[in-house]
Amino acid sequence: MIYKRILGQGLTFIMVLLFIIVAGSVILSKISGGTPTFYGYQLKSVLSGSMEPVIHTGSIVAIKPGGDTSGFKKGDIITFHADENRLITHRIVEVVRNEQTNQVIYRTKGDSNDAPDIEPVLSANVVGRYTGFTIPYVGYILSFAGTKLGNVTLLIVPGLMLFIYAVISLWKTISSLEEKKQGSSIEETNPKTT
């Protein structure tokens, strides 16, 4: 019985801690106007099925940004700018290196697409490399977080949940102390006789 209680409290503590870390990271990056990051990795929403079954629709993926964007090889999964407003995460199927200009161009393709992408990707347009870390369906939430309603919700709901959790914990502690106090006062008024 006591082990279940300790395990439950430990799991609750870990979940609250993880929630605070992730929510804080996302909220801070949204407030600063940047991309959500988590310890140097960018979190990106994947809202199409072009990379299934490796990356499911609605997932978030961790992207390692920066580095030498001309050093990727065939088989790597990269995230790149398709235009100013759209990012795509696809697999490299061919690397073309122009020896005269030292420019690298990638041919990419979604795993579930029938043909490679029409437009080649300049190495300068690559945001980063997919790390292999993905969480299914959370991308929908992250996409919602980019809206005004989502920003307000992400600021209010976690704070409200933590406040309610604190009130319930405080209430349980006070109730427990009152029960102990009443129990000890009953023992004092009715001393045991031997």
N, C-alpha and C. Protein backbone atom coordinates (compact mmCIF):
# COMPACT_ATOMS: atom_id res chain seq x y z
N MET A 1 0.84 -1.20 0.00
CA MET A 1 0.00 0.00 0.00
C MET A 1 0.87 1.25 0.00
N ILE A 2 1.87 1.28 0.89
CA ILE A 2 2.74 2.46 0.97
C ILE A 2 3.60 2.60 -0.29
N TYR A 3 3.96 1.45 -0.90
CA TYR A 3 4.76 1.49 -2.12
C TYR A 3 3.98 2.11 -3.27
N LYS A 4 2.69 1.78 -3.33
CA LYS A 4 1.84 2.37 -4.38
C LYS A 4 1.75 3.87 -4.22
N ARG A 5 1.62 4.32 -2.98
CA ARG A 5 1.51 5.76 -2.71
C ARG A 5 2.81 6.48 -3.08
N ILE A 6 3.94 5.91 -2.71
CA ILE A 6 5.24 6.51 -3.03
C ILE A 6 5.46 6.52 -4.53
N LEU A 7 5.12 5.40 -5.19
CA LEU A 7 5.26 5.32 -6.64
C LEU A 7 4.35 6.34 -7.33
N GLY A 8 3.12 6.46 -6.86
CA GLY A 8 2.18 7.43 -7.43
C GLY A 8 2.67 8.86 -7.27
N GLN A 9 3.16 9.19 -6.08
CA GLN A 9 3.68 10.53 -5.84
C GLN A 9 4.93 10.81 -6.68
N GLY A 10 5.78 9.80 -6.83
CA GLY A 10 6.98 9.96 -7.64
C GLY A 10 6.65 10.19 -9.11
N LEU A 11 5.71 9.39 -9.62
CA LEU A 11 5.29 9.57 -11.02
C LEU A 11 4.62 10.92 -11.23
N THR A 12 3.81 11.35 -10.28
CA THR A 12 3.17 12.67 -10.38
C THR A 12 4.23 13.76 -10.41
N PHE A 13 5.22 13.66 -9.54
CA PHE A 13 6.29 14.66 -9.51
C PHE A 13 7.04 14.71 -10.83
N ILE A 14 7.38 13.54 -11.37
CA ILE A 14 8.12 13.49 -12.64
C ILE A 14 7.29 14.07 -13.78
N MET A 15 5.99 13.73 -13.82
CA MET A 15 5.13 14.24 -14.88
C MET A 15 4.97 15.76 -14.79
N VAL A 16 4.78 16.27 -13.57
CA VAL A 16 4.66 17.72 -13.40
C VAL A 16 5.95 18.41 -13.80
N LEU A 17 7.08 17.84 -13.41
CA LEU A 17 8.37 18.42 -13.75
C LEU A 17 8.58 18.44 -15.27
N LEU A 18 8.32 17.32 -15.95
CA LEU A 18 8.44 17.28 -17.40
C LEU A 18 7.49 18.25 -18.07
N PHE A 19 6.27 18.32 -17.56
CA PHE A 19 5.28 19.24 -18.12
C PHE A 19 5.76 20.68 -18.01
N ILE A 20 6.30 21.04 -16.86
CA ILE A 20 6.78 22.40 -16.65
C ILE A 20 7.96 22.69 -17.58
N ILE A 21 8.88 21.76 -17.73
CA ILE A 21 10.05 21.97 -18.58
C ILE A 21 9.63 22.14 -20.04
N VAL A 22 8.80 21.23 -20.55
CA VAL A 22 8.40 21.30 -21.96
C VAL A 22 7.50 22.51 -22.21
N ALA A 23 6.49 22.70 -21.35
CA ALA A 23 5.58 23.83 -21.54
C ALA A 23 6.34 25.15 -21.41
N GLY A 24 7.24 25.22 -20.44
CA GLY A 24 8.03 26.45 -20.28
C GLY A 24 8.90 26.73 -21.48
N SER A 25 9.51 25.69 -22.01
CA SER A 25 10.36 25.85 -23.19
C SER A 25 9.55 26.34 -24.39
N VAL A 26 8.39 25.72 -24.61
CA VAL A 26 7.54 26.11 -25.74
C VAL A 26 7.01 27.53 -25.54
N ILE A 27 6.54 27.84 -24.33
CA ILE A 27 5.98 29.16 -24.06
C ILE A 27 7.05 30.23 -24.22
N LEU A 28 8.24 30.00 -23.66
CA LEU A 28 9.31 31.00 -23.79
C LEU A 28 9.69 31.23 -25.25
N SER A 29 9.77 30.18 -26.03
CA SER A 29 10.14 30.36 -27.43
C SER A 29 9.02 31.06 -28.20
N LYS A 30 7.76 30.79 -27.84
CA LYS A 30 6.64 31.47 -28.49
C LYS A 30 6.62 32.95 -28.12
N ILE A 31 6.88 33.26 -26.86
CA ILE A 31 6.89 34.65 -26.42
C ILE A 31 8.02 35.42 -27.12
N SER A 32 9.16 34.78 -27.27
CA SER A 32 10.29 35.45 -27.91
C SER A 32 10.14 35.48 -29.43
N GLY A 33 9.11 34.79 -29.96
CA GLY A 33 8.85 34.83 -31.40
C GLY A 33 9.64 33.81 -32.19
N GLY A 34 10.33 32.91 -31.53
CA GLY A 34 11.15 31.94 -32.23
C GLY A 34 10.46 30.60 -32.39
N THR A 35 11.21 29.65 -32.89
CA THR A 35 10.73 28.29 -33.05
C THR A 35 10.83 27.57 -31.71
N PRO A 36 9.84 26.73 -31.36
CA PRO A 36 9.96 25.99 -30.10
C PRO A 36 11.24 25.15 -30.09
N THR A 37 12.01 25.29 -29.02
CA THR A 37 13.25 24.53 -28.90
C THR A 37 13.26 23.79 -27.57
N PHE A 38 14.04 22.73 -27.54
CA PHE A 38 14.19 21.95 -26.33
C PHE A 38 15.65 21.52 -26.26
N TYR A 39 16.43 22.18 -25.42
CA TYR A 39 17.84 21.91 -25.23
C TYR A 39 18.62 21.87 -26.55
N GLY A 40 18.42 22.89 -27.37
CA GLY A 40 19.18 23.03 -28.60
C GLY A 40 18.57 22.33 -29.81
N TYR A 41 17.51 21.58 -29.62
CA TYR A 41 16.82 20.92 -30.73
C TYR A 41 15.55 21.69 -31.04
N GLN A 42 15.27 21.90 -32.32
CA GLN A 42 14.03 22.57 -32.70
C GLN A 42 12.93 21.52 -32.82
N LEU A 43 11.75 21.88 -32.34
CA LEU A 43 10.59 21.00 -32.44
C LEU A 43 9.74 21.47 -33.61
N LYS A 44 9.49 20.59 -34.56
CA LYS A 44 8.72 20.92 -35.76
C LYS A 44 7.50 20.02 -35.85
N SER A 45 6.39 20.60 -36.31
CA SER A 45 5.17 19.83 -36.55
C SER A 45 5.21 19.25 -37.95
N VAL A 46 4.79 18.00 -38.07
CA VAL A 46 4.67 17.35 -39.38
C VAL A 46 3.18 17.12 -39.61
N LEU A 47 2.60 17.89 -40.52
CA LEU A 47 1.15 17.84 -40.70
C LEU A 47 0.73 17.21 -42.02
N SER A 48 1.65 16.47 -42.66
CA SER A 48 1.28 15.71 -43.86
C SER A 48 1.79 14.29 -43.69
N GLY A 49 1.29 13.40 -44.52
CA GLY A 49 1.66 11.99 -44.41
C GLY A 49 2.76 11.56 -45.35
N SER A 50 3.53 12.51 -45.90
CA SER A 50 4.53 12.16 -46.91
C SER A 50 5.69 11.32 -46.36
N MET A 51 5.90 11.33 -45.07
CA MET A 51 7.02 10.55 -44.49
C MET A 51 6.54 9.33 -43.72
N GLU A 52 5.28 8.97 -43.86
CA GLU A 52 4.80 7.76 -43.17
C GLU A 52 5.41 6.53 -43.80
N PRO A 53 5.69 5.50 -43.09
CA PRO A 53 5.39 5.24 -41.68
C PRO A 53 6.48 5.70 -40.71
N VAL A 54 7.56 6.29 -41.20
CA VAL A 54 8.65 6.73 -40.30
C VAL A 54 8.16 7.86 -39.39
N ILE A 55 7.49 8.85 -39.98
CA ILE A 55 6.96 9.99 -39.23
C ILE A 55 5.47 10.08 -39.55
N HIS A 56 4.64 9.90 -38.54
CA HIS A 56 3.19 9.92 -38.73
C HIS A 56 2.66 11.35 -38.81
N THR A 57 1.55 11.51 -39.52
CA THR A 57 0.88 12.80 -39.62
C THR A 57 0.51 13.28 -38.22
N GLY A 58 0.77 14.56 -37.95
CA GLY A 58 0.46 15.15 -36.65
C GLY A 58 1.53 14.96 -35.60
N SER A 59 2.67 14.44 -35.99
CA SER A 59 3.76 14.24 -35.02
C SER A 59 4.58 15.51 -34.86
N ILE A 60 5.34 15.56 -33.77
CA ILE A 60 6.41 16.55 -33.69
C ILE A 60 7.72 15.78 -33.83
N VAL A 61 8.68 16.43 -34.45
CA VAL A 61 9.99 15.83 -34.63
C VAL A 61 11.03 16.78 -34.07
N ALA A 62 12.13 16.22 -33.61
CA ALA A 62 13.25 17.03 -33.13
C ALA A 62 14.25 17.16 -34.27
N ILE A 63 14.62 18.39 -34.56
CA ILE A 63 15.57 18.72 -35.63
C ILE A 63 16.81 19.31 -34.99
N LYS A 64 17.98 18.82 -35.40
CA LYS A 64 19.24 19.41 -34.94
C LYS A 64 19.61 20.50 -35.94
N PRO A 65 19.46 21.77 -35.55
CA PRO A 65 19.73 22.86 -36.49
C PRO A 65 21.22 23.16 -36.62
N GLY A 66 21.52 23.91 -37.67
CA GLY A 66 22.88 24.41 -37.87
C GLY A 66 23.84 23.37 -38.36
N GLY A 67 25.10 23.66 -38.15
CA GLY A 67 26.15 22.76 -38.62
C GLY A 67 26.42 22.97 -40.10
N ASP A 68 27.15 22.05 -40.68
CA ASP A 68 27.49 22.11 -42.10
C ASP A 68 26.32 21.55 -42.90
N THR A 69 25.51 22.43 -43.47
CA THR A 69 24.32 21.99 -44.21
C THR A 69 24.67 21.41 -45.57
N SER A 70 25.93 21.46 -45.95
CA SER A 70 26.33 20.86 -47.22
C SER A 70 26.94 19.47 -47.01
N GLY A 71 26.91 18.97 -45.79
CA GLY A 71 27.56 17.69 -45.49
C GLY A 71 26.61 16.52 -45.31
N PHE A 72 25.36 16.68 -45.68
CA PHE A 72 24.42 15.57 -45.54
C PHE A 72 24.62 14.55 -46.65
N LYS A 73 24.17 13.33 -46.40
CA LYS A 73 24.37 12.27 -47.40
C LYS A 73 23.04 11.60 -47.72
N LYS A 74 23.06 10.79 -48.74
CA LYS A 74 21.87 10.07 -49.18
C LYS A 74 21.33 9.23 -48.02
N GLY A 75 20.02 9.32 -47.80
CA GLY A 75 19.37 8.59 -46.72
C GLY A 75 19.06 9.44 -45.50
N ASP A 76 19.76 10.58 -45.34
CA ASP A 76 19.48 11.48 -44.22
C ASP A 76 18.11 12.11 -44.42
N ILE A 77 17.41 12.35 -43.31
CA ILE A 77 16.14 13.06 -43.35
C ILE A 77 16.41 14.49 -42.89
N ILE A 78 16.04 15.45 -43.75
CA ILE A 78 16.32 16.85 -43.45
C ILE A 78 15.03 17.67 -43.47
N THR A 79 15.06 18.80 -42.78
CA THR A 79 13.98 19.77 -42.83
C THR A 79 14.52 20.99 -43.56
N PHE A 80 13.75 21.46 -44.54
CA PHE A 80 14.23 22.57 -45.38
C PHE A 80 13.09 23.52 -45.71
N HIS A 81 13.48 24.73 -46.11
CA HIS A 81 12.52 25.75 -46.53
C HIS A 81 12.09 25.46 -47.96
N ALA A 82 10.79 25.20 -48.15
CA ALA A 82 10.26 25.06 -49.50
C ALA A 82 9.96 26.44 -50.06
N ASP A 83 9.56 27.35 -49.20
CA ASP A 83 9.37 28.77 -49.51
C ASP A 83 9.45 29.52 -48.18
N GLU A 84 9.08 30.79 -48.17
CA GLU A 84 9.23 31.59 -46.95
C GLU A 84 8.40 31.07 -45.79
N ASN A 85 7.23 30.52 -46.08
CA ASN A 85 6.30 30.15 -45.02
C ASN A 85 6.17 28.65 -44.77
N ARG A 86 6.85 27.83 -45.56
CA ARG A 86 6.61 26.39 -45.48
C ARG A 86 7.90 25.62 -45.32
N LEU A 87 7.90 24.73 -44.33
CA LEU A 87 9.02 23.81 -44.11
C LEU A 87 8.57 22.40 -44.49
N ILE A 88 9.50 21.63 -45.03
CA ILE A 88 9.24 20.25 -45.42
C ILE A 88 10.31 19.37 -44.80
N THR A 89 9.90 18.19 -44.35
CA THR A 89 10.83 17.19 -43.83
C THR A 89 10.76 15.98 -44.75
N HIS A 90 11.83 15.75 -45.52
CA HIS A 90 11.90 14.63 -46.46
C HIS A 90 13.28 13.99 -46.42
N ARG A 91 13.39 12.83 -47.06
CA ARG A 91 14.64 12.07 -47.10
C ARG A 91 15.45 12.47 -48.34
N ILE A 92 16.76 12.55 -48.18
CA ILE A 92 17.66 12.83 -49.31
C ILE A 92 17.80 11.55 -50.14
N VAL A 93 17.53 11.66 -51.45
CA VAL A 93 17.69 10.50 -52.33
C VAL A 93 18.88 10.65 -53.27
N GLU A 94 19.41 11.89 -53.36
CA GLU A 94 20.58 12.12 -54.20
C GLU A 94 21.27 13.41 -53.75
N VAL A 95 22.60 13.37 -53.74
CA VAL A 95 23.40 14.55 -53.42
C VAL A 95 24.17 14.95 -54.68
N VAL A 96 23.98 16.19 -55.13
CA VAL A 96 24.65 16.69 -56.33
C VAL A 96 25.60 17.81 -55.89
N ARG A 97 26.88 17.62 -56.17
CA ARG A 97 27.88 18.61 -55.78
C ARG A 97 28.50 19.23 -57.03
N ASN A 98 28.37 20.54 -57.15
CA ASN A 98 28.97 21.27 -58.27
C ASN A 98 30.40 21.63 -57.86
N GLU A 99 31.37 20.97 -58.48
CA GLU A 99 32.77 21.16 -58.10
C GLU A 99 33.28 22.58 -58.42
N GLN A 100 32.74 23.21 -59.45
CA GLN A 100 33.21 24.56 -59.82
C GLN A 100 32.75 25.61 -58.82
N THR A 101 31.48 25.55 -58.41
CA THR A 101 30.97 26.55 -57.46
C THR A 101 30.98 26.04 -56.02
N ASN A 102 31.30 24.76 -55.82
CA ASN A 102 31.31 24.12 -54.51
C ASN A 102 29.93 24.20 -53.83
N GLN A 103 28.89 24.23 -54.66
CA GLN A 103 27.53 24.29 -54.14
C GLN A 103 26.94 22.87 -54.10
N VAL A 104 26.17 22.59 -53.04
CA VAL A 104 25.55 21.27 -52.88
C VAL A 104 24.05 21.42 -53.05
N ILE A 105 23.48 20.52 -53.83
CA ILE A 105 22.04 20.48 -54.05
C ILE A 105 21.56 19.08 -53.68
N TYR A 106 20.44 19.02 -52.97
CA TYR A 106 19.87 17.74 -52.57
C TYR A 106 18.58 17.47 -53.35
N ARG A 107 18.44 16.24 -53.79
CA ARG A 107 17.17 15.75 -54.32
C ARG A 107 16.50 15.04 -53.14
N THR A 108 15.25 15.37 -52.89
CA THR A 108 14.55 14.81 -51.73
C THR A 108 13.25 14.11 -52.16
N LYS A 109 12.76 13.30 -51.25
CA LYS A 109 11.51 12.57 -51.53
C LYS A 109 10.88 12.17 -50.20
N GLY A 110 9.58 12.30 -50.12
CA GLY A 110 8.84 11.76 -48.98
C GLY A 110 8.78 10.25 -49.11
N ASP A 111 8.95 9.53 -48.02
CA ASP A 111 8.98 8.06 -48.07
C ASP A 111 7.72 7.46 -48.69
N SER A 112 6.56 8.08 -48.47
CA SER A 112 5.33 7.51 -49.01
C SER A 112 4.93 8.14 -50.35
N ASN A 113 5.75 9.07 -50.85
CA ASN A 113 5.48 9.67 -52.17
C ASN A 113 5.99 8.75 -53.27
N ASP A 114 5.35 8.81 -54.44
CA ASP A 114 5.74 7.96 -55.57
C ASP A 114 6.99 8.47 -56.28
N ALA A 115 7.19 9.79 -56.28
CA ALA A 115 8.30 10.37 -57.04
C ALA A 115 9.05 11.38 -56.18
N PRO A 116 10.31 11.66 -56.54
CA PRO A 116 11.07 12.69 -55.81
C PRO A 116 10.40 14.06 -55.96
N ASP A 117 10.76 14.96 -55.05
CA ASP A 117 10.25 16.33 -55.12
C ASP A 117 10.72 16.99 -56.42
N ILE A 118 9.88 17.84 -56.97
CA ILE A 118 10.19 18.50 -58.24
C ILE A 118 11.37 19.45 -58.10
N GLU A 119 11.33 20.27 -57.05
CA GLU A 119 12.38 21.27 -56.85
C GLU A 119 13.53 20.70 -56.02
N PRO A 120 14.77 20.85 -56.50
CA PRO A 120 15.92 20.44 -55.67
C PRO A 120 16.09 21.41 -54.50
N VAL A 121 16.80 20.98 -53.49
CA VAL A 121 16.98 21.79 -52.28
C VAL A 121 18.42 22.27 -52.21
N LEU A 122 18.60 23.59 -52.16
CA LEU A 122 19.93 24.15 -51.96
C LEU A 122 20.35 23.90 -50.51
N SER A 123 21.62 23.64 -50.31
CA SER A 123 22.09 23.39 -48.94
C SER A 123 21.83 24.59 -48.03
N ALA A 124 21.79 25.79 -48.59
CA ALA A 124 21.53 26.99 -47.80
C ALA A 124 20.09 27.02 -47.26
N ASN A 125 19.19 26.26 -47.88
CA ASN A 125 17.80 26.24 -47.44
C ASN A 125 17.50 25.17 -46.39
N VAL A 126 18.51 24.38 -46.03
CA VAL A 126 18.31 23.32 -45.05
C VAL A 126 18.33 23.92 -43.64
N VAL A 127 17.30 23.59 -42.86
CA VAL A 127 17.20 24.06 -41.49
C VAL A 127 17.99 23.16 -40.55
N GLY A 128 17.86 21.84 -40.77
CA GLY A 128 18.56 20.90 -39.90
C GLY A 128 18.25 19.47 -40.27
N ARG A 129 18.81 18.56 -39.48
CA ARG A 129 18.66 17.12 -39.73
C ARG A 129 17.73 16.52 -38.69
N TYR A 130 16.86 15.63 -39.13
CA TYR A 130 15.95 14.90 -38.24
C TYR A 130 16.77 13.96 -37.37
N THR A 131 16.52 14.00 -36.06
CA THR A 131 17.32 13.24 -35.09
C THR A 131 16.81 11.83 -34.85
N GLY A 132 15.61 11.53 -35.32
CA GLY A 132 15.02 10.22 -35.05
C GLY A 132 14.03 10.27 -33.90
N PHE A 133 13.95 11.41 -33.20
CA PHE A 133 13.02 11.57 -32.08
C PHE A 133 11.70 12.13 -32.60
N THR A 134 10.61 11.43 -32.34
CA THR A 134 9.29 11.89 -32.77
C THR A 134 8.25 11.52 -31.71
N ILE A 135 7.26 12.38 -31.55
CA ILE A 135 6.13 12.10 -30.67
C ILE A 135 4.86 12.23 -31.52
N PRO A 136 4.13 11.12 -31.69
CA PRO A 136 2.93 11.17 -32.54
C PRO A 136 1.84 12.09 -31.99
N TYR A 137 1.14 12.76 -32.87
CA TYR A 137 -0.07 13.56 -32.63
C TYR A 137 0.16 14.86 -31.85
N VAL A 138 1.30 15.06 -31.27
CA VAL A 138 1.55 16.29 -30.51
C VAL A 138 1.73 17.48 -31.45
N GLY A 139 2.03 17.21 -32.71
CA GLY A 139 2.19 18.28 -33.69
C GLY A 139 0.93 19.09 -33.87
N TYR A 140 -0.22 18.45 -33.73
CA TYR A 140 -1.49 19.18 -33.80
C TYR A 140 -1.56 20.23 -32.69
N ILE A 141 -1.11 19.84 -31.49
CA ILE A 141 -1.12 20.77 -30.35
C ILE A 141 -0.13 21.89 -30.59
N LEU A 142 1.06 21.55 -31.09
CA LEU A 142 2.08 22.56 -31.36
C LEU A 142 1.61 23.53 -32.43
N SER A 143 0.92 23.02 -33.43
CA SER A 143 0.38 23.87 -34.48
C SER A 143 -0.68 24.80 -33.91
N PHE A 144 -1.52 24.27 -33.02
CA PHE A 144 -2.54 25.09 -32.34
C PHE A 144 -1.86 26.16 -31.48
N ALA A 145 -0.72 25.83 -30.89
CA ALA A 145 -0.01 26.78 -30.03
C ALA A 145 0.47 27.99 -30.81
N GLY A 146 0.60 27.86 -32.12
CA GLY A 146 1.04 28.98 -32.95
C GLY A 146 -0.04 30.02 -33.18
N THR A 147 -1.28 29.69 -32.84
CA THR A 147 -2.37 30.65 -33.00
C THR A 147 -2.49 31.52 -31.76
N LYS A 148 -3.25 32.63 -31.86
CA LYS A 148 -3.44 33.51 -30.70
C LYS A 148 -4.18 32.78 -29.58
N LEU A 149 -5.21 32.04 -29.94
CA LEU A 149 -5.95 31.27 -28.94
C LEU A 149 -5.05 30.23 -28.29
N GLY A 150 -4.20 29.61 -29.09
CA GLY A 150 -3.26 28.62 -28.57
C GLY A 150 -2.27 29.22 -27.60
N ASN A 151 -1.75 30.40 -27.93
CA ASN A 151 -0.81 31.08 -27.02
C ASN A 151 -1.45 31.38 -25.68
N VAL A 152 -2.69 31.89 -25.71
CA VAL A 152 -3.40 32.21 -24.47
C VAL A 152 -3.65 30.93 -23.68
N THR A 153 -4.09 29.89 -24.38
CA THR A 153 -4.37 28.62 -23.71
C THR A 153 -3.12 28.05 -23.06
N LEU A 154 -1.99 28.12 -23.76
CA LEU A 154 -0.74 27.58 -23.20
C LEU A 154 -0.25 28.39 -22.00
N LEU A 155 -0.64 29.63 -21.92
CA LEU A 155 -0.23 30.43 -20.76
C LEU A 155 -1.16 30.22 -19.58
N ILE A 156 -2.46 30.09 -19.83
CA ILE A 156 -3.43 30.02 -18.74
C ILE A 156 -3.63 28.60 -18.21
N VAL A 157 -3.83 27.64 -19.09
CA VAL A 157 -4.17 26.28 -18.66
C VAL A 157 -3.09 25.64 -17.77
N PRO A 158 -1.79 25.67 -18.16
CA PRO A 158 -0.79 25.06 -17.25
C PRO A 158 -0.74 25.74 -15.89
N GLY A 159 -0.86 27.05 -15.88
CA GLY A 159 -0.85 27.76 -14.61
C GLY A 159 -2.05 27.40 -13.75
N LEU A 160 -3.21 27.29 -14.37
CA LEU A 160 -4.42 26.92 -13.66
C LEU A 160 -4.32 25.49 -13.12
N MET A 161 -3.79 24.57 -13.93
CA MET A 161 -3.63 23.19 -13.49
C MET A 161 -2.68 23.09 -12.30
N LEU A 162 -1.58 23.80 -12.35
CA LEU A 162 -0.63 23.78 -11.23
C LEU A 162 -1.24 24.40 -9.97
N PHE A 163 -2.04 25.47 -10.15
CA PHE A 163 -2.70 26.11 -9.01
C PHE A 163 -3.68 25.14 -8.35
N ILE A 164 -4.49 24.46 -9.17
CA ILE A 164 -5.47 23.50 -8.64
C ILE A 164 -4.75 22.35 -7.92
N TYR A 165 -3.66 21.86 -8.52
CA TYR A 165 -2.88 20.79 -7.91
C TYR A 165 -2.33 21.24 -6.55
N ALA A 166 -1.84 22.48 -6.47
CA ALA A 166 -1.30 23.00 -5.22
C ALA A 166 -2.39 23.13 -4.16
N VAL A 167 -3.58 23.60 -4.56
CA VAL A 167 -4.69 23.75 -3.61
C VAL A 167 -5.12 22.39 -3.07
N ILE A 168 -5.24 21.40 -3.94
CA ILE A 168 -5.65 20.05 -3.51
C ILE A 168 -4.61 19.46 -2.57
N SER A 169 -3.33 19.60 -2.89
CA SER A 169 -2.27 19.07 -2.02
C SER A 169 -2.28 19.76 -0.66
N LEU A 170 -2.47 21.07 -0.66
CA LEU A 170 -2.52 21.82 0.59
C LEU A 170 -3.73 21.40 1.42
N TRP A 171 -4.86 21.22 0.78
CA TRP A 171 -6.08 20.80 1.48
C TRP A 171 -5.90 19.42 2.11
N LYS A 172 -5.29 18.48 1.38
CA LYS A 172 -5.05 17.14 1.92
C LYS A 172 -4.11 17.20 3.12
N THR A 173 -3.08 18.02 3.03
CA THR A 173 -2.12 18.13 4.14
C THR A 173 -2.78 18.72 5.38
N ILE A 174 -3.58 19.76 5.20
CA ILE A 174 -4.26 20.38 6.35
C ILE A 174 -5.25 19.41 6.97
N SER A 175 -6.01 18.67 6.14
CA SER A 175 -6.96 17.67 6.65
C SER A 175 -6.24 16.60 7.45
N SER A 176 -5.10 16.16 6.96
CA SER A 176 -4.32 15.13 7.65
C SER A 176 -3.83 15.64 9.00
N LEU A 177 -3.37 16.89 9.05
CA LEU A 177 -2.89 17.46 10.31
C LEU A 177 -4.03 17.62 11.31
N GLU A 178 -5.21 18.03 10.84
CA GLU A 178 -6.36 18.19 11.74
C GLU A 178 -6.79 16.85 12.32
N GLU A 179 -6.76 15.79 11.48
CA GLU A 179 -7.12 14.46 11.98
C GLU A 179 -6.14 14.00 13.05
N LYS A 180 -4.86 14.24 12.84
CA LYS A 180 -3.86 13.86 13.84
C LYS A 180 -4.06 14.64 15.13
N LYS A 181 -4.39 15.94 14.99
CA LYS A 181 -4.59 16.80 16.16
C LYS A 181 -5.80 16.33 16.96
N GLN A 182 -6.90 15.99 16.25
CA GLN A 182 -8.10 15.51 16.93
C GLN A 182 -7.84 14.17 17.60
N GLY A 183 -7.08 13.31 16.94
CA GLY A 183 -6.75 12.01 17.51
C GLY A 183 -5.93 12.14 18.78
N SER A 184 -4.99 13.06 18.82
CA SER A 184 -4.17 13.23 20.02
C SER A 184 -4.95 13.90 21.14
N SER A 185 -5.90 14.80 20.84
CA SER A 185 -6.69 15.44 21.89
C SER A 185 -7.68 14.45 22.50
N ILE A 186 -8.19 13.48 21.72
CA ILE A 186 -9.09 12.46 22.26
C ILE A 186 -8.32 11.57 23.23
N GLU A 187 -7.07 11.22 22.90
CA GLU A 187 -6.25 10.39 23.78
C GLU A 187 -5.96 11.10 25.09
N GLU A 188 -5.77 12.43 25.06
CA GLU A 188 -5.48 13.18 26.28
C GLU A 188 -6.70 13.25 27.20
N THR A 189 -7.92 13.35 26.62
CA THR A 189 -9.12 13.43 27.46
C THR A 189 -9.53 12.08 28.00
N ASN A 190 -9.16 11.00 27.34
CA ASN A 190 -9.48 9.63 27.78
C ASN A 190 -8.18 8.85 28.01
N PRO A 191 -7.50 9.12 29.12
CA PRO A 191 -6.25 8.40 29.36
C PRO A 191 -6.52 6.91 29.61
N LYS A 192 -5.61 6.10 29.20
CA LYS A 192 -5.72 4.64 29.36
C LYS A 192 -5.43 4.28 30.81
N THR A 193 -6.20 3.33 31.34
CA THR A 193 -5.94 2.85 32.68
C THR A 193 -5.44 1.41 32.61
N THR A 194 -4.53 1.10 33.49
CA THR A 194 -3.95 -0.25 33.48
C THR A 194 -4.23 -0.95 34.75
